[in-house]
Amino acid sequence: MAEQHQYPSVLKKAAGQLHLSPSQHCAGFQAPAFYQRRFSYGNYTNAAFQYPMAQRCPVTPDMSLVAANPSPVFVAAPKEKGFAGFAIDFLMGGVSAAVSKTAAAPIERVKLLIQNQDEMIKQGRLSEPYKDKDGYWVWFAGNLASGGLAGASSLLFVYSLDYARTRLANDAKAAKKGGERQFNGLIDVYRKTLQSDGIAGLYRGFNISCVGIIVYRGLYFGMYDSLKPVILTGDLQDSFFASFALGWLITNGAGLASYPIDTVRRRMMMTSGQAVKYSSSFDCFAQILKNEGAKSLFKGAGANILRAIAGAGVLAGYDKLQLLVLGKKYGSGGA
């Protein structure tokens, strides 16, 4: 059969068959170059046309080289990651969403209250609309309260461990001075305290500790979240060192403000298993002032300056981690 000149169609150009040679025409049928040409673009593949060859071509005696079944034009999907890849994506997405939703929950609630305040007034659930002039200080007080309550809630679970740590630290100090150890380890602290004072012995000074943790955590988280959008603006907004400096100052301030309370609660812890020395936390505070002076309430406070580095790192590092993992910051200073 005489060769006929054919111009490639638009579909053939898309498939990459821009050059048609005479050897590719046989008995009115056209075979694609190399029988199937693929062009890759990253992870995606465009497959060339495949044509049925109903008649035997004299140029191609081996029919096994020719595709027998027609297949339509298709775009291959990206390679599947498998169950492991899906599980990782699912887990990371879930954790990121949980962290972001939790961090942004207070702001989201304020937004919803403002959006629905008219309807809430109609239903009698709100007495008057929210006012802009009352916003900042109410928000500031809310930050202090939420930070303090969060600290008090966590204290309920870790207080007995803090008590055991305090007793072991002072027990080791007494042993170095020639005295005998009262406890042989963490389990021994629990065992002897439960035998002598019961459960109450593990929570000696818990009430004053709640006051102290509310003051400390309230100032620690509340002041940072409240001052951050006011001070860290412009070029300082995403600066790790500026966030660290602000966090360090706030951590020191919160530590000094709550340090006398911390001294009282440590003294109360030390009375477990012994004769009653203080009738209450207020009595302990009064006796320290009377017998030792006000300076005793701040003994060891200088070590908090170095300890505050860790607290500042937590505040600044949390903001930086949000930028690295989630792409933006949530909360009072977030975008």
Protein backbone atom coordinates (compact mmCIF):
# COMPACT_ATOMS: atom_id res chain seq x y z
CA MET A 1 0.00 0.00 0.00
CA ALA A 2 1.29 3.40 -0.88
CA GLU A 3 2.42 5.46 2.02
CA GLN A 4 0.19 8.37 2.84
CA HIS A 5 1.36 11.54 4.49
CA GLN A 6 -0.49 12.10 7.73
CA TYR A 7 -0.44 15.05 10.04
CA PRO A 8 -0.45 14.19 13.73
CA SER A 9 -3.62 15.02 15.56
CA VAL A 10 -3.80 17.04 18.77
CA LEU A 11 -4.23 13.85 20.81
CA LYS A 12 -1.14 12.34 19.23
CA LYS A 13 0.86 15.43 20.05
CA ALA A 14 -0.32 15.18 23.66
CA ALA A 15 0.80 11.58 23.71
CA GLY A 16 4.25 12.53 22.52
CA GLN A 17 4.04 11.07 18.99
CA LEU A 18 5.21 14.10 17.05
CA HIS A 19 7.28 12.19 14.53
CA LEU A 20 5.71 9.54 12.32
CA SER A 21 8.07 7.47 10.24
CA PRO A 22 7.01 5.32 7.21
CA SER A 23 8.04 2.20 9.08
CA GLN A 24 5.27 2.86 11.57
CA HIS A 25 2.52 2.44 8.95
CA CYS A 26 1.52 -1.00 7.90
CA ALA A 27 -1.66 -2.18 6.13
CA GLY A 28 -3.60 0.88 7.20
CA PHE A 29 -2.67 0.49 10.85
CA GLN A 30 -0.34 2.72 12.77
CA ALA A 31 1.86 1.43 15.60
CA PRO A 32 3.19 3.89 18.14
CA ALA A 33 6.92 4.27 18.45
CA PHE A 34 8.40 1.53 20.62
CA TYR A 35 4.80 0.26 20.90
CA GLN A 36 4.27 2.37 24.02
CA ARG A 37 6.03 5.62 24.76
CA ARG A 38 5.81 7.15 28.20
CA PHE A 39 6.73 10.66 29.25
CA SER A 40 7.20 11.26 32.95
CA TYR A 41 6.51 14.49 34.75
CA GLY A 42 7.59 14.03 38.34
CA ASN A 43 5.51 11.23 39.79
CA TYR A 44 2.90 11.30 36.97
CA THR A 45 3.00 9.45 33.68
CA ASN A 46 1.19 10.01 30.37
CA ALA A 47 0.93 6.81 28.41
CA ALA A 48 0.90 6.78 24.61
CA PHE A 49 -1.89 5.32 22.59
CA GLN A 50 -2.10 1.60 22.09
CA TYR A 51 -3.73 0.45 18.87
CA PRO A 52 -5.25 -2.93 18.02
CA MET A 53 -3.50 -4.77 15.20
CA ALA A 54 -6.20 -6.92 13.65
CA GLN A 55 -4.10 -7.78 10.58
CA ARG A 56 -0.67 -9.31 10.54
CA CYS A 57 1.92 -6.78 9.46
CA PRO A 58 4.61 -8.09 7.14
CA VAL A 59 7.13 -5.72 8.63
CA THR A 60 6.48 -7.10 12.09
CA PRO A 61 6.33 -10.87 11.88
CA ASP A 62 6.29 -11.40 15.67
CA MET A 63 2.80 -10.62 16.85
CA SER A 64 3.85 -10.99 20.50
CA LEU A 65 5.48 -7.57 20.29
CA VAL A 66 2.22 -5.85 19.44
CA ALA A 67 -0.44 -5.09 22.02
CA ALA A 68 -3.45 -7.29 21.38
CA ASN A 69 -6.02 -5.44 23.47
CA PRO A 70 -6.84 -1.80 23.03
CA SER A 71 -6.54 0.50 26.01
CA PRO A 72 -7.73 4.07 26.32
CA VAL A 73 -5.61 7.11 27.07
CA PHE A 74 -5.02 7.38 30.81
CA VAL A 75 -2.98 9.35 33.33
CA ALA A 76 -1.33 7.12 35.89
CA ALA A 77 -1.94 8.06 39.50
CA PRO A 78 0.93 8.77 41.91
CA LYS A 79 2.47 5.77 43.57
CA GLU A 80 0.57 4.70 46.64
CA LYS A 81 2.35 5.10 49.97
CA GLY A 82 0.77 2.01 51.41
CA PHE A 83 -0.78 1.55 54.82
CA ALA A 84 2.31 2.73 56.70
CA GLY A 85 2.40 6.04 54.83
CA PHE A 86 -1.33 6.50 55.32
CA ALA A 87 -1.02 5.79 59.03
CA ILE A 88 1.78 8.34 59.42
CA ASP A 89 -0.17 11.02 57.52
CA PHE A 90 -3.30 10.20 59.51
CA LEU A 91 -1.48 10.38 62.85
CA MET A 92 0.41 13.60 62.07
CA GLY A 93 -2.73 15.25 60.72
CA GLY A 94 -4.74 14.22 63.77
CA VAL A 95 -2.13 15.39 66.26
CA SER A 96 -1.64 18.72 64.45
CA ALA A 97 -5.38 19.29 64.32
CA ALA A 98 -5.80 18.41 68.01
CA VAL A 99 -3.01 20.76 69.10
CA SER A 100 -4.22 23.61 66.91
CA LYS A 101 -7.86 23.19 67.94
CA THR A 102 -6.95 23.05 71.62
CA ALA A 103 -4.70 26.11 71.39
CA ALA A 104 -7.26 28.13 69.44
CA ALA A 105 -10.32 26.98 71.43
CA PRO A 106 -10.57 30.09 73.70
CA ILE A 107 -10.32 32.45 70.74
CA GLU A 108 -12.83 30.38 68.79
CA ARG A 109 -15.28 30.57 71.69
CA VAL A 110 -14.96 34.36 71.89
CA LYS A 111 -15.60 34.56 68.16
CA LEU A 112 -18.73 32.41 68.45
CA LEU A 113 -20.06 34.45 71.38
CA ILE A 114 -19.60 37.70 69.49
CA GLN A 115 -21.15 36.24 66.35
CA ASN A 116 -24.24 34.97 68.19
CA GLN A 117 -24.66 37.64 70.86
CA ASP A 118 -27.75 39.16 69.22
CA GLU A 119 -29.53 35.81 69.17
CA MET A 120 -28.38 35.07 72.72
CA ILE A 121 -29.89 38.38 73.91
CA LYS A 122 -33.20 37.46 72.27
CA GLN A 123 -33.19 34.08 74.02
CA GLY A 124 -32.35 35.65 77.37
CA ARG A 125 -28.94 33.95 77.64
CA LEU A 126 -27.04 37.26 77.54
CA SER A 127 -28.04 40.41 79.42
CA GLU A 128 -26.07 42.93 77.36
CA PRO A 129 -23.73 42.97 74.33
CA TYR A 130 -20.00 42.69 74.71
CA LYS A 131 -18.18 46.02 74.79
CA ASP A 132 -14.81 46.72 73.25
CA LYS A 133 -13.69 48.87 76.18
CA ASP A 134 -14.07 45.92 78.54
CA GLY A 135 -12.16 43.56 76.30
CA TYR A 136 -8.49 43.63 77.25
CA TRP A 137 -8.65 43.46 81.04
CA VAL A 138 -11.38 40.83 81.00
CA TRP A 139 -9.27 38.85 78.55
CA PHE A 140 -6.17 39.42 80.73
CA ALA A 141 -8.01 38.19 83.83
CA GLY A 142 -9.26 35.19 81.86
CA ASN A 143 -5.71 34.29 80.89
CA LEU A 144 -4.59 34.50 84.52
CA ALA A 145 -7.50 32.39 85.71
CA SER A 146 -7.15 29.72 83.03
CA GLY A 147 -3.41 29.42 83.61
CA GLY A 148 -3.88 29.16 87.37
CA LEU A 149 -6.65 26.57 87.18
CA ALA A 150 -4.65 24.49 84.73
CA GLY A 151 -1.71 24.47 87.13
CA ALA A 152 -3.90 23.58 90.11
CA SER A 153 -5.49 20.69 88.19
CA SER A 154 -2.12 19.24 87.26
CA LEU A 155 -0.91 19.61 90.85
CA LEU A 156 -3.54 17.12 92.02
CA PHE A 157 -1.78 14.34 90.09
CA VAL A 158 1.87 15.21 90.70
CA TYR A 159 1.80 16.55 94.25
CA SER A 160 2.67 13.25 95.92
CA LEU A 161 5.69 12.88 93.63
CA ASP A 162 6.77 16.42 94.47
CA TYR A 163 6.40 15.58 98.15
CA ALA A 164 8.56 12.46 97.77
CA ARG A 165 11.19 14.41 95.84
CA THR A 166 11.35 17.05 98.58
CA ARG A 167 11.73 14.45 101.33
CA LEU A 168 14.43 12.54 99.45
CA ALA A 169 16.40 15.71 98.67
CA ASN A 170 16.49 16.78 102.31
CA ASP A 171 17.14 13.21 103.47
CA ALA A 172 20.27 13.00 101.31
CA LYS A 173 21.48 16.32 102.67
CA ALA A 174 21.14 15.06 106.24
CA ALA A 175 23.05 11.88 105.38
CA LYS A 176 25.99 13.89 104.03
CA LYS A 177 26.27 15.69 107.38
CA GLY A 178 26.68 12.42 109.24
CA GLY A 179 23.04 11.67 109.93
CA GLU A 180 21.19 8.54 109.00
CA ARG A 181 18.95 8.28 105.99
CA GLN A 182 15.28 8.20 106.85
CA PHE A 183 14.25 6.80 103.46
CA ASN A 184 15.86 4.26 101.16
CA GLY A 185 14.15 5.40 98.00
CA LEU A 186 10.95 6.63 96.40
CA ILE A 187 8.88 3.58 97.32
CA ASP A 188 10.12 3.78 100.90
CA VAL A 189 8.94 7.39 101.16
CA TYR A 190 5.44 6.36 100.12
CA ARG A 191 5.41 3.33 102.41
CA LYS A 192 6.59 5.11 105.56
CA THR A 193 4.40 8.16 104.98
CA LEU A 194 1.30 6.02 104.47
CA GLN A 195 2.09 4.06 107.63
CA SER A 196 2.54 7.14 109.80
CA ASP A 197 0.12 9.71 108.36
CA GLY A 198 -1.97 7.93 105.77
CA ILE A 199 -2.97 9.51 102.46
CA ALA A 200 -3.11 12.94 104.11
CA GLY A 201 0.64 12.77 104.71
CA LEU A 202 1.32 12.66 100.98
CA TYR A 203 -0.75 15.82 100.50
CA ARG A 204 0.53 17.86 103.44
CA GLY A 205 0.52 21.52 102.37
CA PHE A 206 -1.66 20.85 99.34
CA ASN A 207 -3.99 23.80 99.98
CA ILE A 208 -1.22 26.39 100.10
CA SER A 209 0.38 24.68 97.11
CA CYS A 210 -2.79 25.26 95.10
CA VAL A 211 -2.60 28.95 95.96
CA GLY A 212 1.05 29.05 94.95
CA ILE A 213 0.55 27.23 91.67
CA ILE A 214 -2.39 29.48 90.78
CA VAL A 215 -0.22 32.54 91.37
CA TYR A 216 2.79 31.10 89.54
CA ARG A 217 1.06 29.48 86.57
CA GLY A 218 -1.43 32.30 86.29
CA LEU A 219 1.37 34.85 85.94
CA TYR A 220 3.54 32.47 83.90
CA PHE A 221 1.00 31.71 81.18
CA GLY A 222 -1.42 34.59 81.64
CA MET A 223 1.10 37.42 81.47
CA TYR A 224 2.99 35.85 78.58
CA ASP A 225 -0.13 35.39 76.46
CA SER A 226 -1.36 38.87 77.37
CA LEU A 227 1.90 40.79 76.92
CA LYS A 228 3.13 38.93 73.86
CA PRO A 229 0.77 40.59 71.34
CA VAL A 230 1.47 43.99 72.94
CA ILE A 231 5.28 43.84 73.13
CA LEU A 232 6.28 41.37 70.41
CA THR A 233 5.10 43.32 67.38
CA GLY A 234 6.64 44.05 64.00
CA ASP A 235 10.06 42.47 63.54
CA LEU A 236 9.94 41.03 67.06
CA GLN A 237 6.78 39.02 66.42
CA ASP A 238 8.54 35.91 65.10
CA SER A 239 11.86 36.43 66.90
CA PHE A 240 12.82 33.47 69.07
CA PHE A 241 15.26 35.53 71.16
CA ALA A 242 12.67 38.24 71.82
CA SER A 243 10.15 35.60 72.90
CA PHE A 244 12.82 33.97 75.05
CA ALA A 245 13.73 37.28 76.75
CA LEU A 246 10.08 38.06 77.48
CA GLY A 247 9.53 34.53 78.77
CA TRP A 248 12.61 34.75 80.98
CA LEU A 249 11.47 38.01 82.59
CA ILE A 250 7.95 36.69 83.14
CA THR A 251 9.24 33.39 84.56
CA ASN A 252 11.46 35.25 87.04
CA GLY A 253 8.64 37.58 88.01
CA ALA A 254 6.19 34.73 88.51
CA GLY A 255 8.76 32.75 90.48
CA LEU A 256 9.58 35.62 92.84
CA ALA A 257 5.90 36.45 93.37
CA SER A 258 5.07 32.90 94.38
CA TYR A 259 8.34 32.02 96.14
CA PRO A 260 7.20 32.77 99.74
CA ILE A 261 4.22 30.47 99.18
CA ASP A 262 6.55 27.80 97.84
CA THR A 263 8.72 28.10 100.95
CA VAL A 264 5.70 27.61 103.20
CA ARG A 265 4.50 24.55 101.31
CA ARG A 266 7.96 22.96 101.43
CA ARG A 267 8.06 23.48 105.19
CA MET A 268 4.64 21.88 105.48
CA MET A 269 5.83 18.88 103.50
CA MET A 270 8.68 18.34 105.93
CA THR A 271 6.28 17.93 108.88
CA SER A 272 4.81 14.65 107.62
CA GLY A 273 5.69 11.77 109.93
CA GLN A 274 6.71 14.13 112.74
CA ALA A 275 5.08 15.87 115.66
CA VAL A 276 2.73 18.67 114.66
CA LYS A 277 4.84 21.80 114.30
CA TYR A 278 2.49 24.10 112.39
CA SER A 279 -1.25 24.16 112.88
CA SER A 280 -1.85 25.55 109.41
CA SER A 281 -0.14 27.18 106.46
CA PHE A 282 -0.84 30.63 107.93
CA ASP A 283 0.73 29.54 111.22
CA CYS A 284 3.78 28.31 109.32
CA PHE A 285 4.06 31.63 107.50
CA ALA A 286 3.75 33.59 110.76
CA GLN A 287 6.35 31.48 112.58
CA ILE A 288 8.87 31.85 109.74
CA LEU A 289 8.46 35.64 109.83
CA LYS A 290 8.72 35.72 113.63
CA ASN A 291 11.61 33.32 114.15
CA GLU A 292 13.65 33.60 110.95
CA GLY A 293 12.70 36.90 109.35
CA ALA A 294 11.31 37.78 105.93
CA LYS A 295 14.56 36.84 104.19
CA SER A 296 13.96 33.19 105.00
CA LEU A 297 10.90 33.25 102.78
CA PHE A 298 13.19 33.97 99.81
CA LYS A 299 16.08 31.63 100.60
CA GLY A 300 17.19 29.92 97.39
CA ALA A 301 15.34 32.36 95.17
CA GLY A 302 18.57 33.22 93.36
CA ALA A 303 18.64 29.73 91.87
CA ASN A 304 15.35 30.54 90.14
CA ILE A 305 17.21 32.94 87.84
CA LEU A 306 18.99 30.00 86.24
CA ARG A 307 15.94 27.79 86.51
CA ALA A 308 13.91 30.41 84.65
CA ILE A 309 15.97 29.71 81.53
CA ALA A 310 14.14 26.40 81.17
CA GLY A 311 10.76 28.04 81.69
CA ALA A 312 11.52 30.73 79.12
CA GLY A 313 12.65 28.05 76.69
CA VAL A 314 9.30 26.28 77.05
CA LEU A 315 7.33 29.44 76.20
CA ALA A 316 9.50 30.54 73.28
CA GLY A 317 10.08 27.00 72.05
CA TYR A 318 6.35 26.27 71.97
CA ASP A 319 5.72 29.26 69.70
CA LYS A 320 8.62 28.31 67.44
CA LEU A 321 7.46 24.70 67.26
CA GLN A 322 4.05 25.85 66.10
CA LEU A 323 5.69 27.75 63.23
CA LEU A 324 7.83 24.77 62.23
CA VAL A 325 5.16 22.07 62.51
CA LEU A 326 1.88 23.88 61.82
CA GLY A 327 3.14 26.77 59.70
CA LYS A 328 1.69 29.49 61.93
CA LYS A 329 1.14 30.38 65.56
CA TYR A 330 -2.17 29.95 67.32
CA GLY A 331 -3.28 31.81 70.39
CA SER A 332 -3.16 35.42 71.40
CA GLY A 333 -0.26 36.36 69.24
CA GLY A 334 -0.82 34.00 66.37
CA ALA A 335 -1.86 34.88 62.87
